Amino acid sequence: MSLSQAPLFEADVPDGFRYQADFISSDEETVLAAEIGRIEFSIFEMRGVVARRRVAFFGTSYDRGPAATPPLPDFLLHLRDKLAALAGVEARAFAMALINEYRPGTPIGWHRDAPQYDIVAGISLLSPCRMKFRPYVRPGERTATAAPRRVATHAVVLERRSAYLLTGAARNAYEHHIPEVTTLRYSITLRTVRP
């Protein structure tokens, strides 16, 4: 079964996960992909591990602060406004943007977004992917009894041009990952900063 044929059930996502298919039009996707194609991507390294995906940060970043990253580019402002309306927050609340380039064979490992960020909003471009969730276990709590909780408990297909929000339990009590993609995919992630 291809990803685009896989069923999407609301019951198969954690509380606090919100999904909207066809959040942007095909024309909007084409324009965004062209703009992203002009971006200079960087290699991403975290805790000494070099990721296979390439990234571009705007606004604030995990460890560099707002002075070290460029502001959100103009082509993201309309998208930020639409995501803010979906999330029910002011557009300026989205202080950080991350664009990921997933080439064929590129995954993103299990993770929770950095703790200084609150609402996470994402858009998928060019191809679908599967996002998996599992309960988050703090490093000090990882024991043999925690092992059963380390398997994926939820999964959802993120279709191209779709949007998702991670809030509440989906954001704080779960971690997520995306297995290797088979075709080029871009993702645009915007985050609000915790008060």
Protein backbone atom coordinates (compact mmCIF):
# COMPACT_ATOMS: atom_id res chain seq x y z
CA MET A 1 0.00 0.00 0.00
CA SER A 2 1.43 3.39 -0.92
CA LEU A 3 1.49 6.15 1.65
CA SER A 4 -1.18 8.07 -0.22
CA GLN A 5 -3.47 5.03 -0.02
CA ALA A 6 -2.87 4.38 3.68
CA PRO A 7 -5.87 5.14 5.89
CA LEU A 8 -5.82 8.16 8.17
CA PHE A 9 -7.84 7.72 11.33
CA GLU A 10 -8.25 10.49 13.90
CA ALA A 11 -8.29 7.78 16.59
CA ASP A 12 -4.74 6.77 15.62
CA VAL A 13 -3.11 10.01 16.78
CA PRO A 14 -2.26 11.27 20.27
CA ASP A 15 -4.40 13.90 21.98
CA GLY A 16 -3.24 17.32 20.88
CA PHE A 17 -2.43 16.28 17.30
CA ARG A 18 -4.43 18.15 14.68
CA TYR A 19 -4.27 17.45 10.96
CA GLN A 20 -5.67 19.30 7.96
CA ALA A 21 -5.40 17.86 4.47
CA ASP A 22 -4.95 20.22 1.51
CA PHE A 23 -4.00 23.10 3.80
CA ILE A 24 -2.31 24.80 0.86
CA SER A 25 -3.14 24.63 -2.84
CA SER A 26 -1.09 22.97 -5.55
CA ASP A 27 -0.11 26.44 -6.82
CA GLU A 28 1.02 27.50 -3.32
CA GLU A 29 3.09 24.32 -3.06
CA THR A 30 4.76 25.04 -6.40
CA VAL A 31 5.69 28.58 -5.33
CA LEU A 32 6.97 27.43 -1.92
CA ALA A 33 9.04 24.61 -3.45
CA ALA A 34 10.61 27.07 -5.92
CA GLU A 35 11.47 29.51 -3.11
CA ILE A 36 12.88 26.70 -0.97
CA GLY A 37 14.96 25.54 -3.93
CA ARG A 38 16.85 28.86 -3.70
CA ILE A 39 17.68 28.48 0.00
CA GLU A 40 21.16 27.61 1.17
CA PHE A 41 20.75 24.53 3.36
CA SER A 42 23.17 23.47 6.08
CA ILE A 43 24.21 20.14 7.51
CA PHE A 44 22.46 19.56 10.84
CA GLU A 45 24.36 18.16 13.80
CA MET A 46 22.93 17.50 17.25
CA ARG A 47 24.80 15.96 20.18
CA GLY A 48 27.65 14.97 17.88
CA VAL A 49 25.44 13.14 15.37
CA VAL A 50 25.23 14.46 11.81
CA ALA A 51 21.72 14.09 10.39
CA ARG A 52 21.07 13.01 6.81
CA ARG A 53 18.55 15.83 6.33
CA ARG A 54 19.65 19.35 5.51
CA VAL A 55 18.14 22.36 7.26
CA ALA A 56 17.63 26.13 7.14
CA PHE A 57 16.70 28.06 10.32
CA PHE A 58 14.90 31.41 10.50
CA GLY A 59 13.93 33.52 13.50
CA THR A 60 15.21 31.93 16.70
CA SER A 61 17.10 28.64 16.62
CA TYR A 62 17.82 25.85 19.09
CA ASP A 63 21.19 27.10 20.22
CA ARG A 64 22.14 30.18 18.24
CA GLY A 65 19.51 32.70 19.37
CA PRO A 66 17.72 35.23 17.13
CA ALA A 67 20.85 37.24 16.29
CA ALA A 68 22.51 34.29 14.56
CA THR A 69 19.67 33.38 12.21
CA PRO A 70 17.96 35.44 9.51
CA PRO A 71 14.37 36.59 10.01
CA LEU A 72 11.52 34.66 8.44
CA PRO A 73 11.69 35.23 4.68
CA ASP A 74 8.79 37.03 3.02
CA PHE A 75 7.62 33.87 1.25
CA LEU A 76 6.85 32.25 4.64
CA LEU A 77 4.79 35.13 6.06
CA HIS A 78 1.48 34.17 4.43
CA LEU A 79 1.99 30.55 5.48
CA ARG A 80 2.77 31.71 9.04
CA ASP A 81 -0.49 33.70 9.05
CA LYS A 82 -2.49 30.66 7.91
CA LEU A 83 -0.86 28.37 10.49
CA ALA A 84 -1.46 30.94 13.24
CA ALA A 85 -5.16 31.01 12.34
CA LEU A 86 -5.25 27.20 12.46
CA ALA A 87 -3.53 27.21 15.87
CA GLY A 88 -5.60 30.10 17.23
CA VAL A 89 -2.58 32.29 18.04
CA GLU A 90 -1.22 35.60 16.76
CA ALA A 91 1.06 35.21 13.75
CA ARG A 92 3.99 36.84 15.57
CA ALA A 93 3.81 34.03 18.17
CA PHE A 94 5.55 31.80 15.62
CA ALA A 95 9.07 33.03 16.34
CA MET A 96 10.99 30.21 14.67
CA ALA A 97 10.91 28.48 11.31
CA LEU A 98 12.83 25.43 10.19
CA ILE A 99 12.86 24.10 6.64
CA ASN A 100 14.02 20.49 6.27
CA GLU A 101 15.13 18.89 3.03
CA TYR A 102 14.54 15.13 2.99
CA ARG A 103 16.25 13.49 0.02
CA PRO A 104 15.32 9.89 -0.84
CA GLY A 105 16.49 7.63 1.99
CA THR A 106 16.44 10.39 4.60
CA PRO A 107 14.65 9.86 7.95
CA ILE A 108 14.41 11.93 11.09
CA GLY A 109 15.04 10.00 14.30
CA TRP A 110 12.88 9.81 17.39
CA HIS A 111 12.76 13.17 19.14
CA ARG A 112 10.71 15.74 20.98
CA ASP A 113 11.08 19.33 19.83
CA ALA A 114 13.31 21.52 22.00
CA PRO A 115 11.68 22.44 25.34
CA GLN A 116 11.82 26.21 24.80
CA TYR A 117 9.23 25.84 22.05
CA ASP A 118 5.52 25.26 22.63
CA ILE A 119 3.17 24.80 19.66
CA VAL A 120 4.71 23.02 16.68
CA ALA A 121 3.10 23.49 13.26
CA GLY A 122 4.23 21.75 10.10
CA ILE A 123 3.57 21.64 6.37
CA SER A 124 4.56 18.79 4.02
CA LEU A 125 5.63 19.58 0.47
CA LEU A 126 6.21 17.46 -2.66
CA SER A 127 5.57 14.00 -1.20
CA PRO A 128 3.82 12.26 1.70
CA CYS A 129 5.48 10.63 4.66
CA ARG A 130 4.48 8.65 7.71
CA MET A 131 4.89 10.25 11.14
CA LYS A 132 5.08 7.82 14.05
CA PHE A 133 4.57 8.57 17.73
CA ARG A 134 5.56 6.81 20.94
CA PRO A 135 5.37 7.87 24.59
CA TYR A 136 8.31 9.98 25.67
CA VAL A 137 10.45 8.43 28.40
CA ARG A 138 12.89 10.72 30.19
CA PRO A 139 16.51 9.51 29.94
CA GLY A 140 16.69 8.76 33.70
CA GLU A 141 13.53 6.64 33.47
CA ARG A 142 14.74 4.36 30.66
CA THR A 143 14.75 0.95 32.27
CA ALA A 144 13.73 -2.57 31.31
CA THR A 145 10.19 -1.80 32.50
CA ALA A 146 10.07 1.22 30.18
CA ALA A 147 11.06 -0.88 27.15
CA PRO A 148 7.47 -1.75 26.12
CA ARG A 149 6.72 1.97 25.87
CA ARG A 150 9.54 2.45 23.35
CA VAL A 151 7.58 1.16 20.35
CA ALA A 152 5.44 3.33 18.09
CA THR A 153 1.89 3.53 19.40
CA HIS A 154 0.41 5.87 16.79
CA ALA A 155 1.08 6.66 13.14
CA VAL A 156 -0.35 9.09 10.63
CA VAL A 157 0.31 9.84 6.97
CA LEU A 158 1.23 13.46 6.32
CA GLU A 159 0.06 14.02 2.75
CA ARG A 160 1.71 16.64 0.57
CA ARG A 161 0.20 20.12 1.09
CA SER A 162 -1.17 19.09 4.50
CA ALA A 163 -0.65 20.83 7.83
CA TYR A 164 -0.40 19.48 11.34
CA LEU A 165 -0.23 20.92 14.85
CA LEU A 166 1.43 19.36 17.89
CA THR A 167 0.02 20.66 21.17
CA GLY A 168 -0.77 19.17 24.57
CA ALA A 169 0.09 15.49 24.95
CA ALA A 170 1.16 15.08 21.31
CA ARG A 171 3.75 17.79 21.87
CA ASN A 172 4.82 17.04 25.45
CA ALA A 173 4.11 13.40 26.30
CA TYR A 174 5.14 11.83 22.97
CA GLU A 175 8.15 11.86 20.71
CA HIS A 176 7.87 11.41 16.97
CA HIS A 177 9.90 10.32 13.98
CA ILE A 178 9.64 10.00 10.22
CA PRO A 179 11.04 6.86 8.56
CA GLU A 180 13.14 7.15 5.40
CA VAL A 181 11.30 8.90 2.58
CA THR A 182 11.37 7.52 -0.94
CA THR A 183 11.15 10.80 -2.89
CA LEU A 184 12.24 14.38 -2.27
CA ARG A 185 10.23 16.03 0.50
CA TYR A 186 10.42 19.45 2.11
CA SER A 187 8.88 20.25 5.46
CA ILE A 188 8.29 23.68 6.91
CA THR A 189 8.07 23.73 10.71
CA LEU A 190 7.06 26.78 12.71
CA ARG A 191 7.22 26.94 16.50
CA THR A 192 5.98 29.27 19.20
CA VAL A 193 8.22 30.08 22.17
CA ARG A 194 7.02 29.08 25.63
CA PRO A 195 6.04 32.05 27.82
